[in-house]
Structure formats: structure tokens, C-alpha cells
């Protein structure tokens, strides 16, 4: 399992449009990809991701596990940073 920590920097937090983009990045991978605040939720489920209510300044982790975990982690991390949603901590 791989894990990296991030801090939400988008002033609007993780709302529907960017969350949908992250789900789209995560879905093609075979690995489990979780977004973790207090409890892990699948990054492949838009409803679960939005239920976290991640606001600006919130720290969270991304966890990947499976045969393509490294590629999945890189893709999700790149999307978070390049879209200006979060910075790695």
C-alpha cells in the first residue's frame, strides 16, 4: 500500500466538478484508491467523496493498494496538484 498526504488549497474545497474529475482519474485503475480524512472512502465513488465535505485547509491522505498502485497514486497526485486543488505535505 502507498500513502501520501495532502492539504486542500482550493478556496471552495472539494466540490462536485473537481471531485468528478478525480473520480474519472481513479476509475480506470484496478487498485483500490481511497481518500482518507477520518475514515477511508473510495475515490471511485463520487457520492462518497462528496460526503466527506472537504473544505479549504483540510488535510487528507490518498491510499492506493493493488497491482497498479504506483501508477494510480501518481495519476491522482498529479491531478490534485495540477488542478490547483491540493498541495502535498
Protein backbone atom coordinates (compact mmCIF):
# COMPACT_ATOMS: atom_id res chain seq x y z
CA UNK A 1 0.00 0.00 0.00
CA UNK A 2 1.13 3.51 -0.81
CA UNK A 3 0.06 6.64 1.03
CA UNK A 4 0.63 10.36 0.52
CA UNK A 5 -0.68 13.35 2.48
CA UNK A 6 -2.23 16.50 1.05
CA UNK A 7 -3.81 19.76 2.16
CA UNK A 8 -6.81 21.21 0.31
CA UNK A 9 -5.88 24.64 -1.05
CA UNK A 10 -8.85 25.34 -3.33
CA UNK A 11 -10.90 28.01 -1.52
CA UNK A 12 -14.12 26.20 -2.50
CA UNK A 13 -12.89 22.85 -1.17
CA UNK A 14 -13.59 19.59 -2.95
CA UNK A 15 -16.90 20.34 -4.66
CA UNK A 16 -18.74 18.44 -7.40
CA UNK A 17 -16.78 19.40 -10.53
CA UNK A 18 -13.24 18.70 -9.24
CA UNK A 19 -14.43 15.66 -7.29
CA UNK A 20 -15.93 14.28 -10.50
CA UNK A 21 -12.60 14.84 -12.24
CA UNK A 22 -10.74 12.90 -9.54
CA UNK A 23 -13.22 10.02 -9.76
CA UNK A 24 -12.68 9.97 -13.53
CA UNK A 25 -8.90 9.73 -12.98
CA UNK A 26 -9.28 6.94 -10.40
CA UNK A 27 -11.81 4.66 -12.13
CA UNK A 28 -9.58 3.12 -14.83
CA UNK A 29 -7.15 1.68 -12.26
CA UNK A 30 -7.56 -1.81 -10.86
CA UNK A 31 -6.09 -0.82 -7.50
CA UNK A 32 -8.19 0.31 -4.57
CA UNK A 33 -7.84 4.08 -4.22
CA UNK A 34 -9.07 5.70 -1.02
CA UNK A 35 -9.35 9.26 0.16
CA UNK A 36 -8.93 9.37 3.93
CA UNK A 37 -9.89 12.08 6.39
CA UNK A 38 -11.09 10.23 9.47
CA UNK A 39 -12.46 7.20 7.59
CA UNK A 40 -11.37 5.94 4.17
CA UNK A 41 -13.78 6.27 1.25
CA UNK A 42 -13.34 5.01 -2.28
CA UNK A 43 -12.11 7.67 -4.67
CA UNK A 44 -14.07 5.80 -7.34
CA UNK A 45 -17.41 6.88 -5.78
CA UNK A 46 -18.44 10.50 -6.33
CA UNK A 47 -21.18 10.33 -3.67
CA UNK A 48 -18.77 9.01 -1.02
CA UNK A 49 -16.11 11.60 -1.88
CA UNK A 50 -18.60 14.46 -1.70
CA UNK A 51 -19.98 13.12 1.60
CA UNK A 52 -16.65 13.96 3.25
CA UNK A 53 -17.26 17.69 2.82
CA UNK A 54 -13.58 18.51 2.40
CA UNK A 55 -13.12 22.27 2.78
CA UNK A 56 -10.12 24.55 2.25
CA UNK A 57 -7.33 23.81 4.71
CA UNK A 58 -8.41 20.21 5.37
CA UNK A 59 -5.59 17.68 5.49
CA UNK A 60 -6.25 14.29 3.94
CA UNK A 61 -4.44 11.23 2.63
CA UNK A 62 -4.62 9.23 -0.56
CA UNK A 63 -4.04 5.48 -0.20
CA UNK A 64 -3.58 3.06 -3.08
CA UNK A 65 -3.22 -0.70 -2.96
CA UNK A 66 -3.14 -3.22 -5.77
CA UNK A 67 -1.18 -4.23 -8.81
CA UNK A 68 -1.08 -0.73 -10.37
CA UNK A 69 -0.90 1.20 -7.08
CA UNK A 70 2.15 3.29 -8.05
CA UNK A 71 0.60 4.46 -11.33
CA UNK A 72 -2.71 5.16 -9.59
CA UNK A 73 -1.01 7.23 -6.90
CA UNK A 74 0.94 9.27 -9.45
CA UNK A 75 -2.17 9.96 -11.53
CA UNK A 76 -4.28 11.07 -8.56
CA UNK A 77 -1.49 13.16 -7.01
CA UNK A 78 -0.80 14.85 -10.35
CA UNK A 79 -4.50 15.65 -10.79
CA UNK A 80 -4.78 17.14 -7.29
CA UNK A 81 -1.75 19.39 -7.78
CA UNK A 82 -2.19 20.34 -11.44
CA UNK A 83 -5.85 21.31 -10.92
CA UNK A 84 -4.83 23.54 -8.02
CA UNK A 85 -6.95 21.55 -5.57
CA UNK A 86 -4.31 20.46 -3.07
CA UNK A 87 -0.65 20.59 -2.19
CA UNK A 88 1.37 17.68 -0.92
CA UNK A 89 2.51 17.89 2.69
